Amino acid sequence: MNATPQYRLVYESLRKHIEQGVYSEGDILPSENELCIVHNVTRPTVRKALDMLTNEGFIKRRQGLGSLVQSKPRGIGILSIAGTTSVIGRENLVTRVVVKPVVKRWPADFPFGLTKPERESGCIYFERVRLVNGQPIFYDISYLPNMNLPRFTRRKLDNHSLFNLLREVYHIKITGGEQNIKAIHASTTVQNHLDVDPSTPILHLERKLETSRIYFNVFSFLYCDTREHALFGSF
């Protein structure tokens, strides 16, 4: 795998510090000159990293003032391409894998269209339940094309962000997507995973997420208990 570009290393470092609370809302990041010195990179490299943080809503750049850290969106970021972990925060979110990643054929009745390389490569399938402050909020069934994801099935996904893993390890960034949303009654499986009774209304999302890698889309089918938590996000 190719070496990670310098601007991505700077971006990942600053993003991690913002997510971990090293920099809080309203704080000013180090200047471009300081970042150049600390990371031993050029100014264009630093600016590219800051542009990425700006586009993703982590910072706002003000002429004469610098790069200001912005507040994170409230609610559950399941609709956002920023990902749930970055919105809620690791301290409030627990991810449990209920079916470990496994390579299999795509379902014959898969609701989204697949590219020919995706169809021919098969998929990596796994299931997770995610809890906020100890309460199960959504049950997530995911499909990834089995294309150039070495050792993915060996990776531990408990309490880890899928989006961060794809971005940091495989250099795959979520860029947008489409989704179908409807209210349903919880099936027995969903009831068990979300700890709800049969009469509980559940929000069901079918999502196709586009990425920065050609012929590679991420597919997920989510069942959300939104009685106490609003969903946030924009595409």
Protein backbone atom coordinates (compact mmCIF):
# COMPACT_ATOMS: atom_id res chain seq x y z
CA MET A 1 0.00 0.00 0.00
CA ASN A 2 1.28 3.46 -0.88
CA ALA A 3 2.70 5.71 1.83
CA THR A 4 0.21 8.12 3.36
CA PRO A 5 0.58 11.65 1.90
CA GLN A 6 1.95 14.26 4.28
CA TYR A 7 -1.18 16.41 4.19
CA ARG A 8 -3.24 13.42 5.35
CA LEU A 9 -0.89 12.84 8.29
CA VAL A 10 -1.34 16.47 9.35
CA TYR A 11 -5.10 16.24 8.83
CA GLU A 12 -5.43 13.02 10.84
CA SER A 13 -3.36 14.43 13.68
CA LEU A 14 -5.41 17.64 13.95
CA ARG A 15 -8.72 15.81 13.53
CA LYS A 16 -7.84 13.35 16.28
CA HIS A 17 -6.89 16.19 18.63
CA ILE A 18 -10.22 17.91 17.96
CA GLU A 19 -12.21 14.69 18.48
CA GLN A 20 -10.32 13.91 21.69
CA GLY A 21 -10.94 17.38 23.10
CA VAL A 22 -7.37 18.65 22.98
CA TYR A 23 -8.94 21.58 21.12
CA SER A 24 -12.47 22.60 22.15
CA GLU A 25 -15.08 24.75 20.47
CA GLY A 26 -13.73 28.28 19.99
CA ASP A 27 -10.08 27.29 20.38
CA ILE A 28 -7.63 28.42 17.73
CA LEU A 29 -5.39 25.84 16.10
CA PRO A 30 -1.64 26.52 15.83
CA SER A 31 -0.74 28.87 12.99
CA GLU A 32 0.26 27.58 9.57
CA ASN A 33 3.90 28.44 10.32
CA GLU A 34 3.77 26.53 13.62
CA LEU A 35 2.18 23.50 11.96
CA CYS A 36 4.86 23.56 9.26
CA ILE A 37 7.57 23.47 11.94
CA VAL A 38 5.93 20.79 14.11
CA HIS A 39 5.12 18.44 11.24
CA ASN A 40 8.18 19.33 9.12
CA VAL A 41 6.08 20.02 6.03
CA THR A 42 5.51 22.88 3.59
CA ARG A 43 2.81 25.53 3.83
CA PRO A 44 0.80 24.12 0.87
CA THR A 45 0.72 20.77 2.69
CA VAL A 46 -0.64 22.40 5.86
CA ARG A 47 -3.22 24.40 3.89
CA LYS A 48 -4.49 21.25 2.18
CA ALA A 49 -4.95 19.59 5.58
CA LEU A 50 -6.77 22.66 6.92
CA ASP A 51 -8.98 22.78 3.82
CA MET A 52 -10.09 19.20 4.54
CA LEU A 53 -10.93 20.06 8.14
CA THR A 54 -12.86 23.13 6.96
CA ASN A 55 -14.85 21.20 4.37
CA GLU A 56 -15.83 18.60 6.98
CA GLY A 57 -16.97 21.23 9.46
CA PHE A 58 -14.30 20.72 12.12
CA ILE A 59 -12.89 24.25 11.83
CA LYS A 60 -13.76 27.65 10.43
CA ARG A 61 -10.96 29.79 9.02
CA ARG A 62 -11.09 33.50 9.81
CA GLN A 63 -8.88 36.06 8.07
CA GLY A 64 -6.43 37.55 10.54
CA LEU A 65 -7.51 35.24 13.35
CA GLY A 66 -6.71 31.69 12.28
CA SER A 67 -8.48 28.34 12.32
CA LEU A 68 -11.29 28.21 14.90
CA VAL A 69 -12.58 24.88 16.14
CA GLN A 70 -16.34 24.53 15.64
CA SER A 71 -18.85 22.75 17.83
CA LYS A 72 -19.85 19.22 16.88
CA PRO A 73 -23.43 18.72 15.63
CA ARG A 74 -25.87 17.55 18.28
CA GLY A 75 -27.82 14.34 17.99
CA ILE A 76 -26.82 11.09 16.36
CA GLY A 77 -24.78 11.60 13.23
CA ILE A 78 -25.99 8.48 11.48
CA LEU A 79 -27.15 10.53 8.49
CA SER A 80 -23.89 12.43 8.28
CA ILE A 81 -20.89 11.45 6.19
CA ALA A 82 -18.77 12.55 9.16
CA GLY A 83 -19.82 9.32 10.90
CA THR A 84 -21.45 8.58 14.21
CA THR A 85 -18.32 8.35 16.35
CA SER A 86 -17.05 11.80 15.38
CA VAL A 87 -20.42 13.36 16.20
CA ILE A 88 -21.32 11.61 19.45
CA GLY A 89 -17.82 11.11 20.80
CA ARG A 90 -16.14 7.88 21.89
CA GLU A 91 -16.91 8.51 25.54
CA ASN A 92 -20.67 8.20 24.93
CA LEU A 93 -20.73 5.53 22.23
CA VAL A 94 -20.28 1.77 22.53
CA THR A 95 -20.13 -0.47 19.47
CA ARG A 96 -20.72 -4.21 19.79
CA VAL A 97 -20.11 -6.58 16.90
CA VAL A 98 -22.82 -9.26 16.83
CA VAL A 99 -21.69 -10.87 13.55
CA LYS A 100 -17.96 -10.65 12.79
CA PRO A 101 -16.82 -9.64 9.28
CA VAL A 102 -17.05 -12.53 6.84
CA VAL A 103 -16.65 -12.80 3.06
CA LYS A 104 -19.76 -14.01 1.21
CA ARG A 105 -21.72 -13.61 -2.01
CA TRP A 106 -24.02 -10.64 -2.45
CA PRO A 107 -27.69 -11.41 -1.71
CA ALA A 108 -29.67 -12.16 -4.86
CA ASP A 109 -32.32 -9.62 -3.85
CA PHE A 110 -29.88 -6.85 -2.89
CA PRO A 111 -31.87 -3.57 -3.14
CA PHE A 112 -29.08 -1.40 -4.55
CA GLY A 113 -27.40 -1.65 -7.92
CA LEU A 114 -23.82 -2.92 -7.87
CA THR A 115 -20.95 -2.15 -10.20
CA LYS A 116 -19.58 -5.12 -12.12
CA PRO A 117 -16.32 -5.19 -10.06
CA GLU A 118 -18.36 -5.09 -6.84
CA ARG A 119 -20.61 -7.93 -7.96
CA GLU A 120 -17.69 -10.08 -9.11
CA SER A 121 -15.64 -9.52 -5.93
CA GLY A 122 -18.28 -10.57 -3.41
CA CYS A 123 -18.82 -8.69 -0.17
CA ILE A 124 -17.65 -8.44 3.43
CA TYR A 125 -20.68 -8.75 5.71
CA PHE A 126 -20.97 -7.85 9.40
CA GLU A 127 -23.52 -6.70 11.96
CA ARG A 128 -23.17 -4.27 14.85
CA VAL A 129 -25.28 -2.84 17.66
CA ARG A 130 -24.41 0.66 18.84
CA LEU A 131 -25.30 2.08 22.23
CA VAL A 132 -25.39 5.69 23.43
CA ASN A 133 -24.96 6.14 27.17
CA GLY A 134 -25.64 2.42 27.63
CA GLN A 135 -28.88 2.37 25.63
CA PRO A 136 -29.01 0.39 22.33
CA ILE A 137 -29.96 2.94 19.67
CA PHE A 138 -29.35 1.20 16.37
CA TYR A 139 -28.69 -2.15 14.81
CA ASP A 140 -26.49 -1.92 11.72
CA ILE A 141 -26.06 -4.51 8.95
CA SER A 142 -23.15 -3.57 6.67
CA TYR A 143 -21.83 -4.74 3.30
CA LEU A 144 -18.44 -3.73 1.87
CA PRO A 145 -17.14 -4.81 -1.54
CA ASN A 146 -14.38 -7.38 -0.99
CA MET A 147 -11.95 -5.29 -3.02
CA ASN A 148 -8.43 -4.51 -1.79
CA LEU A 149 -9.25 -4.56 1.93
CA PRO A 150 -6.39 -6.75 3.22
CA ARG A 151 -6.93 -8.33 6.65
CA PHE A 152 -10.26 -6.54 7.11
CA THR A 153 -11.99 -9.68 8.41
CA ARG A 154 -9.36 -9.93 11.15
CA ARG A 155 -9.88 -6.40 12.42
CA LYS A 156 -11.71 -5.76 15.67
CA LEU A 157 -14.65 -3.43 15.09
CA ASP A 158 -15.86 -3.29 18.69
CA ASN A 159 -15.79 0.35 19.82
CA HIS A 160 -14.17 1.44 16.58
CA SER A 161 -15.47 3.75 13.88
CA LEU A 162 -15.91 2.07 10.48
CA PHE A 163 -15.48 5.40 8.67
CA ASN A 164 -12.27 6.15 10.55
CA LEU A 165 -10.92 2.66 9.84
CA LEU A 166 -11.63 2.97 6.12
CA ARG A 167 -10.10 6.44 6.01
CA GLU A 168 -7.02 5.87 8.16
CA VAL A 169 -6.03 2.33 7.12
CA TYR A 170 -7.37 1.94 3.59
CA HIS A 171 -7.43 5.60 2.47
CA ILE A 172 -11.12 5.34 1.57
CA LYS A 173 -13.17 8.42 2.38
CA ILE A 174 -16.97 8.62 2.37
CA THR A 175 -17.94 11.40 -0.04
CA GLY A 176 -21.75 11.28 -0.18
CA GLY A 177 -24.57 8.90 -0.90
CA GLU A 178 -28.25 8.10 -1.06
CA GLN A 179 -30.67 6.62 1.44
CA ASN A 180 -34.21 5.37 1.78
CA ILE A 181 -35.95 6.00 5.11
CA LYS A 182 -39.20 4.59 6.41
CA ALA A 183 -40.92 3.73 9.70
CA ILE A 184 -41.54 0.04 10.41
CA HIS A 185 -42.59 -2.27 13.22
CA ALA A 186 -39.64 -4.03 14.80
CA SER A 187 -39.05 -7.64 13.78
CA THR A 188 -38.13 -10.17 16.45
CA THR A 189 -34.43 -9.77 15.62
CA VAL A 190 -34.61 -5.99 15.86
CA GLN A 191 -36.59 -6.20 19.10
CA ASN A 192 -33.88 -8.36 20.64
CA HIS A 193 -31.00 -6.16 19.52
CA LEU A 194 -32.62 -2.84 20.46
CA ASP A 195 -34.44 -4.11 23.55
CA VAL A 196 -37.84 -2.82 22.42
CA ASP A 197 -41.32 -4.34 22.40
CA PRO A 198 -43.26 -5.27 19.22
CA SER A 199 -45.32 -2.06 19.27
CA THR A 200 -42.26 0.22 19.19
CA PRO A 201 -41.94 2.20 15.93
CA ILE A 202 -38.49 1.79 14.40
CA LEU A 203 -36.82 3.96 11.78
CA HIS A 204 -35.33 1.85 8.99
CA LEU A 205 -32.61 3.28 6.72
CA GLU A 206 -31.17 1.69 3.58
CA ARG A 207 -27.98 3.51 2.61
CA LYS A 208 -25.56 3.47 -0.29
CA LEU A 209 -22.49 5.55 0.53
CA GLU A 210 -20.16 6.70 -2.22
CA THR A 211 -16.44 6.81 -1.57
CA SER A 212 -13.22 8.23 -2.93
CA ARG A 213 -12.29 4.81 -4.38
CA ILE A 214 -13.61 3.99 -7.83
CA TYR A 215 -16.19 1.16 -8.03
CA PHE A 216 -16.33 0.99 -4.22
CA ASN A 217 -19.51 1.81 -2.31
CA VAL A 218 -20.44 1.11 1.32
CA PHE A 219 -23.91 -0.30 1.96
CA SER A 220 -25.69 -0.35 5.31
CA PHE A 221 -29.14 -1.24 6.59
CA LEU A 222 -29.98 0.38 9.90
CA TYR A 223 -32.75 0.01 12.41
CA CYS A 224 -32.94 2.97 14.81
CA ASP A 225 -34.82 3.58 18.04
CA THR A 226 -35.30 7.35 17.90
CA ARG A 227 -37.67 7.82 20.85
CA GLU A 228 -35.05 9.60 22.93
CA HIS A 229 -32.39 10.56 20.38
CA ALA A 230 -32.79 12.73 17.31
CA LEU A 231 -30.95 11.88 14.11
CA PHE A 232 -28.75 14.57 12.64
CA GLY A 233 -27.03 14.94 9.32
CA SER A 234 -26.88 16.23 5.81
CA PHE A 235 -25.62 14.96 2.46
